[in-house]
Amino acid sequence: MRDLVGLAVLGCLAIAIVAGYATFRVWAQGERDERGPADAIVVMGAAQYDGRPSPVFAARLEHAVELYRAGIAPRLIVTGGKADGDRTTEAATAREYAIARGVPPDAILGEDQSRTTLESIRAVGDVLRANGLDGAVFVSDRPHMLRVLRMAADDGITAWGSPTRTSPIESDPMRKLDATIHELGALARYFLVGGAS
């Protein structure tokens, strides 16, 4: 019985160490802004409401447009399909948002079928390769960046992260905690079984 208790304690300790390290990695990556010359800026999709981006999505889009205006890349890639019942896609919403803020329509590429981060990354890889592009700066929220960049690297994309710091997640400790826990679970699923989310 003592041996079983010892093994259980060691197991819990190992899980706590792994979770602590993963949490550190999520937030360490989220602190980095790796913006620099690239072939494209990729903005990861998020919820939209009948063509109006959610506050989280709008923060990502504003940051991506800011990078485009700064000359980081000549192309903007928008991502995201639509949920059941939606009349438009995240990508279409992002495209209209960017155009309204001065990004030329012919500078915008996109994919409008994905519903998960992994699907988006794979679709972006296809878009990049089809257009002879390689390096891309990815825009999302800080907790999301580690997973985005890992998936991009696994897909053969030369990727850098430039997280938005104006997301509503930033000002709400509970949302930040929830986002971090979600990322830890999603990373574990991706590494263990290749699951998409």
N, C-alpha and C. Protein backbone atom coordinates (compact mmCIF):
# COMPACT_ATOMS: atom_id res chain seq x y z
N MET A 1 0.84 -1.21 0.00
CA MET A 1 0.00 0.00 0.00
C MET A 1 0.87 1.26 0.00
N ARG A 2 1.95 1.20 0.80
CA ARG A 2 2.85 2.34 0.86
C ARG A 2 3.47 2.62 -0.51
N ASP A 3 3.84 1.54 -1.23
CA ASP A 3 4.41 1.70 -2.57
C ASP A 3 3.41 2.35 -3.53
N LEU A 4 2.15 1.94 -3.44
CA LEU A 4 1.13 2.52 -4.31
C LEU A 4 0.94 4.00 -4.03
N VAL A 5 0.93 4.34 -2.76
CA VAL A 5 0.79 5.75 -2.39
C VAL A 5 1.98 6.55 -2.91
N GLY A 6 3.18 5.96 -2.78
CA GLY A 6 4.38 6.63 -3.27
C GLY A 6 4.33 6.85 -4.76
N LEU A 7 3.88 5.82 -5.49
CA LEU A 7 3.75 5.96 -6.94
C LEU A 7 2.72 7.02 -7.31
N ALA A 8 1.63 7.06 -6.57
CA ALA A 8 0.59 8.06 -6.85
C ALA A 8 1.12 9.47 -6.62
N VAL A 9 1.88 9.63 -5.53
CA VAL A 9 2.45 10.95 -5.24
C VAL A 9 3.44 11.35 -6.33
N LEU A 10 4.29 10.41 -6.75
CA LEU A 10 5.24 10.70 -7.82
C LEU A 10 4.54 11.04 -9.12
N GLY A 11 3.44 10.29 -9.41
CA GLY A 11 2.67 10.56 -10.62
C GLY A 11 2.06 11.95 -10.60
N CYS A 12 1.50 12.33 -9.45
CA CYS A 12 0.90 13.67 -9.33
C CYS A 12 1.97 14.75 -9.45
N LEU A 13 3.13 14.47 -8.85
CA LEU A 13 4.23 15.44 -8.93
C LEU A 13 4.69 15.61 -10.37
N ALA A 14 4.81 14.50 -11.10
CA ALA A 14 5.24 14.56 -12.50
C ALA A 14 4.23 15.34 -13.34
N ILE A 15 2.94 15.10 -13.12
CA ILE A 15 1.90 15.82 -13.86
C ILE A 15 1.98 17.32 -13.56
N ALA A 16 2.20 17.65 -12.28
CA ALA A 16 2.28 19.06 -11.89
C ALA A 16 3.48 19.74 -12.54
N ILE A 17 4.60 19.03 -12.62
CA ILE A 17 5.80 19.60 -13.24
C ILE A 17 5.58 19.83 -14.73
N VAL A 18 5.01 18.82 -15.41
CA VAL A 18 4.74 18.95 -16.85
C VAL A 18 3.76 20.09 -17.11
N ALA A 19 2.69 20.15 -16.31
CA ALA A 19 1.69 21.21 -16.49
C ALA A 19 2.30 22.59 -16.23
N GLY A 20 3.15 22.67 -15.21
CA GLY A 20 3.80 23.95 -14.91
C GLY A 20 4.72 24.38 -16.04
N TYR A 21 5.49 23.43 -16.57
CA TYR A 21 6.40 23.76 -17.67
C TYR A 21 5.61 24.18 -18.91
N ALA A 22 4.53 23.43 -19.22
CA ALA A 22 3.71 23.77 -20.39
C ALA A 22 3.08 25.15 -20.24
N THR A 23 2.63 25.48 -19.03
CA THR A 23 2.05 26.80 -18.79
C THR A 23 3.09 27.88 -19.01
N PHE A 24 4.30 27.64 -18.49
CA PHE A 24 5.39 28.59 -18.71
C PHE A 24 5.65 28.78 -20.21
N ARG A 25 5.69 27.69 -20.97
CA ARG A 25 5.96 27.77 -22.41
C ARG A 25 4.85 28.53 -23.13
N VAL A 26 3.59 28.29 -22.76
CA VAL A 26 2.47 29.00 -23.39
C VAL A 26 2.64 30.50 -23.20
N TRP A 27 2.93 30.92 -21.98
CA TRP A 27 3.00 32.35 -21.71
C TRP A 27 4.32 32.97 -22.16
N ALA A 28 5.39 32.18 -22.15
CA ALA A 28 6.66 32.71 -22.66
C ALA A 28 6.54 33.01 -24.15
N GLN A 29 5.92 32.11 -24.91
CA GLN A 29 5.74 32.37 -26.34
C GLN A 29 4.80 33.55 -26.55
N GLY A 30 3.76 33.62 -25.73
CA GLY A 30 2.82 34.72 -25.86
C GLY A 30 3.41 36.08 -25.58
N GLU A 31 4.53 36.11 -24.85
CA GLU A 31 5.20 37.38 -24.56
C GLU A 31 6.08 37.85 -25.71
N ARG A 32 6.37 36.96 -26.66
CA ARG A 32 7.28 37.31 -27.75
C ARG A 32 6.52 37.91 -28.92
N ASP A 33 7.04 39.01 -29.42
CA ASP A 33 6.54 39.57 -30.68
C ASP A 33 7.67 39.43 -31.69
N GLU A 34 7.52 38.47 -32.59
CA GLU A 34 8.59 38.13 -33.53
C GLU A 34 8.38 38.75 -34.91
N ARG A 35 7.60 39.83 -34.95
CA ARG A 35 7.33 40.48 -36.23
C ARG A 35 8.63 40.81 -36.95
N GLY A 36 8.64 40.60 -38.24
CA GLY A 36 9.79 40.90 -39.08
C GLY A 36 9.39 40.63 -40.51
N PRO A 37 10.23 40.99 -41.46
CA PRO A 37 9.89 40.79 -42.87
C PRO A 37 9.47 39.35 -43.16
N ALA A 38 8.35 39.20 -43.84
CA ALA A 38 7.81 37.88 -44.15
C ALA A 38 7.06 37.96 -45.48
N ASP A 39 6.64 36.80 -45.96
CA ASP A 39 5.86 36.76 -47.20
C ASP A 39 4.39 37.07 -46.95
N ALA A 40 3.91 36.77 -45.73
CA ALA A 40 2.48 36.96 -45.45
C ALA A 40 2.25 37.16 -43.96
N ILE A 41 1.14 37.79 -43.66
CA ILE A 41 0.63 37.90 -42.29
C ILE A 41 -0.63 37.04 -42.24
N VAL A 42 -0.67 36.13 -41.31
CA VAL A 42 -1.83 35.23 -41.18
C VAL A 42 -2.59 35.60 -39.93
N VAL A 43 -3.87 35.91 -40.07
CA VAL A 43 -4.70 36.20 -38.90
C VAL A 43 -5.62 35.01 -38.66
N MET A 44 -5.50 34.44 -37.48
CA MET A 44 -6.31 33.28 -37.13
C MET A 44 -7.75 33.70 -36.85
N GLY A 45 -8.68 32.93 -37.40
CA GLY A 45 -10.09 33.25 -37.26
C GLY A 45 -10.60 33.10 -35.83
N ALA A 46 -11.72 33.73 -35.57
CA ALA A 46 -12.42 33.62 -34.29
C ALA A 46 -13.90 33.93 -34.57
N ALA A 47 -14.69 33.95 -33.54
CA ALA A 47 -16.13 34.10 -33.74
C ALA A 47 -16.48 35.40 -34.47
N GLN A 48 -17.52 35.29 -35.30
CA GLN A 48 -18.09 36.46 -35.97
C GLN A 48 -19.60 36.35 -35.88
N TYR A 49 -20.25 37.50 -35.88
CA TYR A 49 -21.70 37.54 -35.72
C TYR A 49 -22.32 38.22 -36.93
N ASP A 50 -22.73 37.41 -37.89
CA ASP A 50 -23.38 37.90 -39.10
C ASP A 50 -22.54 38.97 -39.79
N GLY A 51 -21.24 38.70 -39.92
CA GLY A 51 -20.34 39.61 -40.60
C GLY A 51 -19.65 40.62 -39.70
N ARG A 52 -19.96 40.60 -38.43
CA ARG A 52 -19.30 41.50 -37.48
C ARG A 52 -18.37 40.69 -36.59
N PRO A 53 -17.07 41.01 -36.59
CA PRO A 53 -16.15 40.22 -35.78
C PRO A 53 -16.42 40.39 -34.29
N SER A 54 -16.27 39.31 -33.55
CA SER A 54 -16.34 39.39 -32.10
C SER A 54 -15.20 40.28 -31.60
N PRO A 55 -15.27 40.77 -30.36
CA PRO A 55 -14.17 41.60 -29.83
C PRO A 55 -12.81 40.90 -29.89
N VAL A 56 -12.78 39.60 -29.65
CA VAL A 56 -11.52 38.85 -29.74
C VAL A 56 -11.01 38.86 -31.18
N PHE A 57 -11.89 38.61 -32.13
CA PHE A 57 -11.51 38.58 -33.54
C PHE A 57 -11.09 39.97 -34.01
N ALA A 58 -11.83 40.99 -33.59
CA ALA A 58 -11.50 42.36 -34.00
C ALA A 58 -10.10 42.76 -33.51
N ALA A 59 -9.73 42.33 -32.30
CA ALA A 59 -8.40 42.64 -31.78
C ALA A 59 -7.33 41.99 -32.65
N ARG A 60 -7.56 40.76 -33.06
CA ARG A 60 -6.61 40.08 -33.95
C ARG A 60 -6.51 40.81 -35.29
N LEU A 61 -7.65 41.18 -35.83
CA LEU A 61 -7.67 41.84 -37.13
C LEU A 61 -7.00 43.21 -37.09
N GLU A 62 -7.25 43.97 -36.04
CA GLU A 62 -6.60 45.28 -35.92
C GLU A 62 -5.09 45.13 -35.90
N HIS A 63 -4.61 44.13 -35.17
CA HIS A 63 -3.16 43.92 -35.07
C HIS A 63 -2.60 43.49 -36.43
N ALA A 64 -3.31 42.61 -37.12
CA ALA A 64 -2.84 42.16 -38.44
C ALA A 64 -2.79 43.32 -39.44
N VAL A 65 -3.81 44.16 -39.42
CA VAL A 65 -3.83 45.34 -40.32
C VAL A 65 -2.68 46.28 -39.96
N GLU A 66 -2.42 46.46 -38.67
CA GLU A 66 -1.31 47.30 -38.23
C GLU A 66 0.02 46.75 -38.78
N LEU A 67 0.20 45.44 -38.72
CA LEU A 67 1.42 44.82 -39.27
C LEU A 67 1.51 45.04 -40.78
N TYR A 68 0.37 44.91 -41.46
CA TYR A 68 0.36 45.12 -42.91
C TYR A 68 0.76 46.57 -43.23
N ARG A 69 0.17 47.51 -42.52
CA ARG A 69 0.49 48.93 -42.76
C ARG A 69 1.97 49.23 -42.47
N ALA A 70 2.55 48.48 -41.54
CA ALA A 70 3.96 48.68 -41.19
C ALA A 70 4.91 48.05 -42.20
N GLY A 71 4.34 47.38 -43.21
CA GLY A 71 5.17 46.79 -44.25
C GLY A 71 5.82 45.47 -43.89
N ILE A 72 5.26 44.78 -42.89
CA ILE A 72 5.83 43.49 -42.48
C ILE A 72 5.74 42.46 -43.59
N ALA A 73 4.65 42.48 -44.35
CA ALA A 73 4.47 41.53 -45.45
C ALA A 73 3.51 42.13 -46.47
N PRO A 74 3.64 41.71 -47.74
CA PRO A 74 2.77 42.26 -48.78
C PRO A 74 1.42 41.54 -48.91
N ARG A 75 1.25 40.46 -48.16
CA ARG A 75 0.01 39.68 -48.24
C ARG A 75 -0.59 39.47 -46.86
N LEU A 76 -1.91 39.48 -46.82
CA LEU A 76 -2.65 39.16 -45.60
C LEU A 76 -3.48 37.91 -45.89
N ILE A 77 -3.35 36.91 -45.04
CA ILE A 77 -4.13 35.68 -45.21
C ILE A 77 -5.14 35.60 -44.08
N VAL A 78 -6.42 35.50 -44.46
CA VAL A 78 -7.50 35.40 -43.48
C VAL A 78 -8.01 33.96 -43.45
N THR A 79 -8.47 33.54 -42.28
CA THR A 79 -8.85 32.13 -42.11
C THR A 79 -10.20 32.00 -41.42
N GLY A 80 -10.79 30.84 -41.59
CA GLY A 80 -11.97 30.48 -40.82
C GLY A 80 -13.22 30.28 -41.63
N GLY A 81 -13.89 29.17 -41.35
CA GLY A 81 -15.16 28.85 -42.00
C GLY A 81 -16.33 29.42 -41.22
N LYS A 82 -17.44 28.71 -41.26
CA LYS A 82 -18.63 29.18 -40.54
C LYS A 82 -19.24 28.05 -39.74
N ALA A 83 -19.87 28.42 -38.65
CA ALA A 83 -20.57 27.47 -37.80
C ALA A 83 -21.96 27.21 -38.39
N ASP A 84 -22.60 26.15 -37.90
CA ASP A 84 -23.96 25.85 -38.34
C ASP A 84 -24.86 27.06 -38.09
N GLY A 85 -25.60 27.44 -39.11
CA GLY A 85 -26.52 28.56 -38.98
C GLY A 85 -25.94 29.90 -39.36
N ASP A 86 -24.62 29.98 -39.49
CA ASP A 86 -24.00 31.24 -39.90
C ASP A 86 -24.30 31.53 -41.37
N ARG A 87 -24.40 32.83 -41.70
CA ARG A 87 -24.64 33.22 -43.09
C ARG A 87 -23.35 33.58 -43.81
N THR A 88 -22.29 33.77 -43.05
CA THR A 88 -21.01 34.11 -43.66
C THR A 88 -19.90 33.43 -42.89
N THR A 89 -18.68 33.57 -43.37
CA THR A 89 -17.54 32.89 -42.75
C THR A 89 -16.67 33.88 -41.98
N GLU A 90 -15.83 33.32 -41.13
CA GLU A 90 -14.85 34.15 -40.43
C GLU A 90 -13.91 34.81 -41.44
N ALA A 91 -13.50 34.05 -42.46
CA ALA A 91 -12.58 34.61 -43.46
C ALA A 91 -13.22 35.77 -44.22
N ALA A 92 -14.47 35.64 -44.61
CA ALA A 92 -15.15 36.72 -45.34
C ALA A 92 -15.30 37.95 -44.45
N THR A 93 -15.62 37.73 -43.19
CA THR A 93 -15.73 38.84 -42.25
C THR A 93 -14.39 39.55 -42.10
N ALA A 94 -13.31 38.76 -41.98
CA ALA A 94 -11.97 39.32 -41.84
C ALA A 94 -11.58 40.10 -43.10
N ARG A 95 -11.92 39.56 -44.25
CA ARG A 95 -11.58 40.24 -45.51
C ARG A 95 -12.24 41.61 -45.59
N GLU A 96 -13.53 41.66 -45.29
CA GLU A 96 -14.25 42.93 -45.34
C GLU A 96 -13.70 43.92 -44.32
N TYR A 97 -13.37 43.43 -43.15
CA TYR A 97 -12.81 44.29 -42.10
C TYR A 97 -11.49 44.90 -42.56
N ALA A 98 -10.63 44.07 -43.15
CA ALA A 98 -9.32 44.56 -43.60
C ALA A 98 -9.46 45.55 -44.75
N ILE A 99 -10.35 45.26 -45.69
CA ILE A 99 -10.55 46.16 -46.83
C ILE A 99 -11.06 47.52 -46.35
N ALA A 100 -11.98 47.49 -45.38
CA ALA A 100 -12.52 48.74 -44.84
C ALA A 100 -11.46 49.58 -44.15
N ARG A 101 -10.34 48.95 -43.80
CA ARG A 101 -9.25 49.67 -43.14
C ARG A 101 -8.05 49.86 -44.05
N GLY A 102 -8.30 49.76 -45.35
CA GLY A 102 -7.29 50.17 -46.32
C GLY A 102 -6.40 49.09 -46.90
N VAL A 103 -6.63 47.82 -46.55
CA VAL A 103 -5.84 46.76 -47.16
C VAL A 103 -6.41 46.48 -48.55
N PRO A 104 -5.60 46.55 -49.60
CA PRO A 104 -6.12 46.33 -50.96
C PRO A 104 -6.70 44.91 -51.10
N PRO A 105 -7.84 44.77 -51.77
CA PRO A 105 -8.43 43.44 -51.93
C PRO A 105 -7.49 42.42 -52.56
N ASP A 106 -6.65 42.87 -53.51
CA ASP A 106 -5.77 41.90 -54.17
C ASP A 106 -4.56 41.51 -53.32
N ALA A 107 -4.44 42.12 -52.14
CA ALA A 107 -3.36 41.72 -51.22
C ALA A 107 -3.84 40.67 -50.23
N ILE A 108 -5.14 40.33 -50.29
CA ILE A 108 -5.72 39.41 -49.31
C ILE A 108 -5.97 38.04 -49.92
N LEU A 109 -5.43 37.03 -49.27
CA LEU A 109 -5.69 35.63 -49.61
C LEU A 109 -6.48 35.02 -48.46
N GLY A 110 -7.08 33.88 -48.70
CA GLY A 110 -7.83 33.30 -47.59
C GLY A 110 -8.25 31.87 -47.80
N GLU A 111 -8.71 31.29 -46.72
CA GLU A 111 -9.34 29.98 -46.74
C GLU A 111 -10.58 30.08 -45.86
N ASP A 112 -11.68 29.52 -46.32
CA ASP A 112 -12.94 29.71 -45.60
C ASP A 112 -13.66 28.40 -45.27
N GLN A 113 -12.89 27.33 -45.06
CA GLN A 113 -13.50 26.05 -44.76
C GLN A 113 -13.17 25.54 -43.35
N SER A 114 -12.11 26.03 -42.75
CA SER A 114 -11.63 25.45 -41.50
C SER A 114 -12.54 25.80 -40.32
N ARG A 115 -12.58 24.88 -39.35
CA ARG A 115 -13.32 25.12 -38.12
C ARG A 115 -12.45 24.93 -36.88
N THR A 116 -11.21 24.49 -37.06
CA THR A 116 -10.30 24.31 -35.93
C THR A 116 -8.96 24.94 -36.26
N THR A 117 -8.14 25.10 -35.24
CA THR A 117 -6.80 25.66 -35.45
C THR A 117 -6.00 24.78 -36.40
N LEU A 118 -6.03 23.48 -36.19
CA LEU A 118 -5.25 22.60 -37.05
C LEU A 118 -5.72 22.65 -38.50
N GLU A 119 -7.02 22.66 -38.71
CA GLU A 119 -7.53 22.78 -40.08
C GLU A 119 -7.10 24.10 -40.71
N SER A 120 -7.13 25.17 -39.93
CA SER A 120 -6.70 26.48 -40.44
C SER A 120 -5.24 26.46 -40.84
N ILE A 121 -4.39 25.90 -39.98
CA ILE A 121 -2.96 25.87 -40.27
C ILE A 121 -2.68 25.07 -41.53
N ARG A 122 -3.31 23.92 -41.66
CA ARG A 122 -3.09 23.10 -42.86
C ARG A 122 -3.57 23.81 -44.11
N ALA A 123 -4.71 24.50 -44.01
CA ALA A 123 -5.22 25.25 -45.16
C ALA A 123 -4.31 26.42 -45.50
N VAL A 124 -3.78 27.10 -44.48
CA VAL A 124 -2.85 28.20 -44.72
C VAL A 124 -1.59 27.68 -45.41
N GLY A 125 -1.11 26.52 -44.98
CA GLY A 125 0.05 25.92 -45.64
C GLY A 125 -0.21 25.71 -47.11
N ASP A 126 -1.40 25.22 -47.44
CA ASP A 126 -1.77 25.01 -48.86
C ASP A 126 -1.80 26.34 -49.61
N VAL A 127 -2.36 27.38 -48.98
CA VAL A 127 -2.44 28.71 -49.61
C VAL A 127 -1.03 29.26 -49.85
N LEU A 128 -0.19 29.16 -48.86
CA LEU A 128 1.18 29.65 -49.00
C LEU A 128 1.90 28.95 -50.15
N ARG A 129 1.83 27.62 -50.15
CA ARG A 129 2.55 26.86 -51.18
C ARG A 129 1.98 27.12 -52.57
N ALA A 130 0.66 27.25 -52.67
CA ALA A 130 0.04 27.50 -53.97
C ALA A 130 0.44 28.85 -54.55
N ASN A 131 0.82 29.78 -53.68
CA ASN A 131 1.18 31.13 -54.13
C ASN A 131 2.68 31.39 -54.07
N GLY A 132 3.47 30.33 -53.88
CA GLY A 132 4.92 30.48 -53.85
C GLY A 132 5.43 31.28 -52.67
N LEU A 133 4.69 31.23 -51.56
CA LEU A 133 5.08 31.97 -50.35
C LEU A 133 5.63 31.01 -49.32
N ASP A 134 6.45 31.54 -48.41
CA ASP A 134 7.04 30.67 -47.40
C ASP A 134 6.82 31.21 -45.99
N GLY A 135 7.62 32.20 -45.60
CA GLY A 135 7.56 32.69 -44.23
C GLY A 135 6.31 33.50 -43.94
N ALA A 136 5.73 33.28 -42.76
CA ALA A 136 4.52 34.01 -42.39
C ALA A 136 4.56 34.40 -40.92
N VAL A 137 4.04 35.59 -40.64
CA VAL A 137 3.85 36.05 -39.27
C VAL A 137 2.40 35.74 -38.90
N PHE A 138 2.21 34.97 -37.84
CA PHE A 138 0.87 34.57 -37.41
C PHE A 138 0.38 35.48 -36.29
N VAL A 139 -0.89 35.88 -36.40
CA VAL A 139 -1.51 36.74 -35.40
C VAL A 139 -2.64 35.99 -34.72
N SER A 140 -2.59 35.97 -33.39
CA SER A 140 -3.68 35.42 -32.59
C SER A 140 -3.56 36.01 -31.19
N ASP A 141 -4.22 35.41 -30.23
CA ASP A 141 -4.10 35.85 -28.84
C ASP A 141 -2.86 35.22 -28.22
N ARG A 142 -2.37 35.82 -27.15
CA ARG A 142 -1.13 35.34 -26.55
C ARG A 142 -1.18 33.87 -26.12
N PRO A 143 -2.24 33.40 -25.46
CA PRO A 143 -2.23 31.99 -25.06
C PRO A 143 -2.23 31.01 -26.24
N HIS A 144 -2.71 31.45 -27.37
CA HIS A 144 -2.87 30.59 -28.55
C HIS A 144 -1.59 30.42 -29.36
N MET A 145 -0.61 31.32 -29.16
CA MET A 145 0.52 31.39 -30.09
C MET A 145 1.40 30.15 -30.10
N LEU A 146 1.66 29.54 -28.94
CA LEU A 146 2.54 28.38 -28.91
C LEU A 146 1.98 27.25 -29.77
N ARG A 147 0.69 26.99 -29.63
CA ARG A 147 0.07 25.91 -30.41
C ARG A 147 0.05 26.24 -31.89
N VAL A 148 -0.29 27.47 -32.22
CA VAL A 148 -0.32 27.90 -33.62
C VAL A 148 1.05 27.69 -34.27
N LEU A 149 2.10 28.16 -33.60
CA LEU A 149 3.44 28.07 -34.19
C LEU A 149 3.94 26.64 -34.26
N ARG A 150 3.59 25.82 -33.26
CA ARG A 150 4.00 24.42 -33.32
C ARG A 150 3.33 23.70 -34.50
N MET A 151 2.04 23.92 -34.66
CA MET A 151 1.32 23.30 -35.77
C MET A 151 1.85 23.80 -37.11
N ALA A 152 2.16 25.08 -37.19
CA ALA A 152 2.69 25.65 -38.43
C ALA A 152 4.04 25.01 -38.77
N ALA A 153 4.90 24.90 -37.78
CA ALA A 153 6.21 24.28 -38.01
C ALA A 153 6.04 22.83 -38.47
N ASP A 154 5.10 22.11 -37.86
CA ASP A 154 4.87 20.71 -38.23
C ASP A 154 4.34 20.60 -39.66
N ASP A 155 3.71 21.67 -40.15
CA ASP A 155 3.20 21.67 -41.52
C ASP A 155 4.25 22.19 -42.51
N GLY A 156 5.44 22.48 -42.04
CA GLY A 156 6.51 22.93 -42.92
C GLY A 156 6.52 24.42 -43.20
N ILE A 157 5.77 25.19 -42.42
CA ILE A 157 5.71 26.63 -42.61
C ILE A 157 6.79 27.30 -41.76
N THR A 158 7.52 28.22 -42.36
CA THR A 158 8.43 29.06 -41.59
C THR A 158 7.57 30.13 -40.91
N ALA A 159 7.44 30.02 -39.60
CA ALA A 159 6.43 30.82 -38.90
C ALA A 159 7.02 31.61 -37.74
N TRP A 160 6.49 32.83 -37.57
CA TRP A 160 6.80 33.67 -36.43
C TRP A 160 5.47 34.12 -35.83
N GLY A 161 5.51 34.49 -34.56
CA GLY A 161 4.29 34.93 -33.90
C GLY A 161 4.31 36.40 -33.54
N SER A 162 3.18 37.05 -33.73
CA SER A 162 3.01 38.43 -33.28
C SER A 162 1.62 38.52 -32.63
N PRO A 163 1.55 38.23 -31.34
CA PRO A 163 0.23 38.20 -30.68
C PRO A 163 -0.34 39.59 -30.45
N THR A 164 -1.65 39.68 -30.51
CA THR A 164 -2.30 40.93 -30.16
C THR A 164 -2.31 41.08 -28.65
N ARG A 165 -2.14 42.31 -28.20
CA ARG A 165 -2.16 42.58 -26.77
C ARG A 165 -3.40 43.37 -26.36
N THR A 166 -4.35 43.51 -27.30
CA THR A 166 -5.56 44.27 -27.01
C THR A 166 -6.80 43.38 -26.93
N SER A 167 -6.60 42.07 -26.91
CA SER A 167 -7.73 41.15 -26.81
C SER A 167 -8.44 41.33 -25.47
N PRO A 168 -9.76 41.18 -25.44
CA PRO A 168 -10.49 41.22 -24.16
C PRO A 168 -9.97 40.19 -23.16
N ILE A 169 -9.34 39.14 -23.66
CA ILE A 169 -8.78 38.12 -22.77
C ILE A 169 -7.74 38.74 -21.83
N GLU A 170 -7.02 39.75 -22.33
CA GLU A 170 -5.92 40.34 -21.58
C GLU A 170 -6.38 41.04 -20.29
N SER A 171 -7.57 41.60 -20.31
CA SER A 171 -8.03 42.40 -19.17
C SER A 171 -8.92 41.63 -18.21
N ASP A 172 -9.13 40.36 -18.46
CA ASP A 172 -10.03 39.55 -17.63
C ASP A 172 -9.26 38.33 -17.11
N PRO A 173 -8.85 38.33 -15.85
CA PRO A 173 -8.07 37.22 -15.32
C PRO A 173 -8.73 35.85 -15.48
N MET A 174 -10.05 35.80 -15.34
CA MET A 174 -10.74 34.51 -15.48
C MET A 174 -10.71 34.02 -16.91
N ARG A 175 -10.88 34.93 -17.87
CA ARG A 175 -10.80 34.53 -19.29
C ARG A 175 -9.38 34.11 -19.64
N LYS A 176 -8.40 34.80 -19.07
CA LYS A 176 -7.00 34.45 -19.31
C LYS A 176 -6.71 33.05 -18.76
N LEU A 177 -7.20 32.76 -17.56
CA LEU A 177 -7.02 31.44 -16.96
C LEU A 177 -7.72 30.38 -17.80
N ASP A 178 -8.95 30.67 -18.20
CA ASP A 178 -9.71 29.72 -19.02
C ASP A 178 -9.00 29.45 -20.35
N ALA A 179 -8.47 30.51 -20.98
CA ALA A 179 -7.76 30.35 -22.25
C ALA A 179 -6.50 29.51 -22.06
N THR A 180 -5.79 29.72 -20.95
CA THR A 180 -4.58 28.95 -20.69
C THR A 180 -4.90 27.47 -20.47
N ILE A 181 -5.92 27.20 -19.69
CA ILE A 181 -6.32 25.81 -19.45
C ILE A 181 -6.75 25.15 -20.76
N HIS A 182 -7.50 25.89 -21.58
CA HIS A 182 -7.91 25.35 -22.89
C HIS A 182 -6.68 24.99 -23.73
N GLU A 183 -5.69 25.88 -23.74
CA GLU A 183 -4.48 25.63 -24.53
C GLU A 183 -3.70 24.43 -24.02
N LEU A 184 -3.62 24.28 -22.71
CA LEU A 184 -2.92 23.12 -22.16
C LEU A 184 -3.59 21.82 -22.60
N GLY A 185 -4.91 21.79 -22.55
CA GLY A 185 -5.64 20.60 -23.00
C GLY A 185 -5.48 20.37 -24.49
N ALA A 186 -5.56 21.44 -25.27
CA ALA A 186 -5.44 21.31 -26.73
C ALA A 186 -4.03 20.88 -27.14
N LEU A 187 -3.02 21.40 -26.46
CA LEU A 187 -1.65 20.99 -26.75
C LEU A 187 -1.44 19.52 -26.40
N ALA A 188 -1.95 19.11 -25.25
CA ALA A 188 -1.82 17.70 -24.85
C ALA A 188 -2.49 16.79 -25.87
N ARG A 189 -3.68 17.17 -26.30
CA ARG A 189 -4.41 16.37 -27.30
C ARG A 189 -3.64 16.32 -28.61
N TYR A 190 -3.07 17.45 -29.02
CA TYR A 190 -2.32 17.48 -30.27
C TYR A 190 -1.07 16.60 -30.20
N PHE A 191 -0.32 16.72 -29.11
CA PHE A 191 0.90 15.94 -28.98
C PHE A 191 0.63 14.44 -28.80
N LEU A 192 -0.44 14.12 -28.09
CA LEU A 192 -0.70 12.71 -27.79
C LEU A 192 -1.42 11.98 -28.94
N VAL A 193 -2.41 12.62 -29.52
CA VAL A 193 -3.22 11.92 -30.52
C VAL A 193 -3.40 12.71 -31.82
N GLY A 194 -2.77 13.86 -31.91
CA GLY A 194 -2.92 14.65 -33.14
C GLY A 194 -4.28 15.26 -33.28
N GLY A 195 -5.01 15.40 -32.15
CA GLY A 195 -6.36 15.93 -32.19
C GLY A 195 -6.39 17.39 -32.56
N ALA A 196 -7.45 17.81 -33.22
CA ALA A 196 -7.58 19.20 -33.68
C ALA A 196 -8.56 19.95 -32.80
N SER A 197 -8.24 21.22 -32.53
CA SER A 197 -9.18 22.09 -31.85
C SER A 197 -8.79 23.53 -32.10
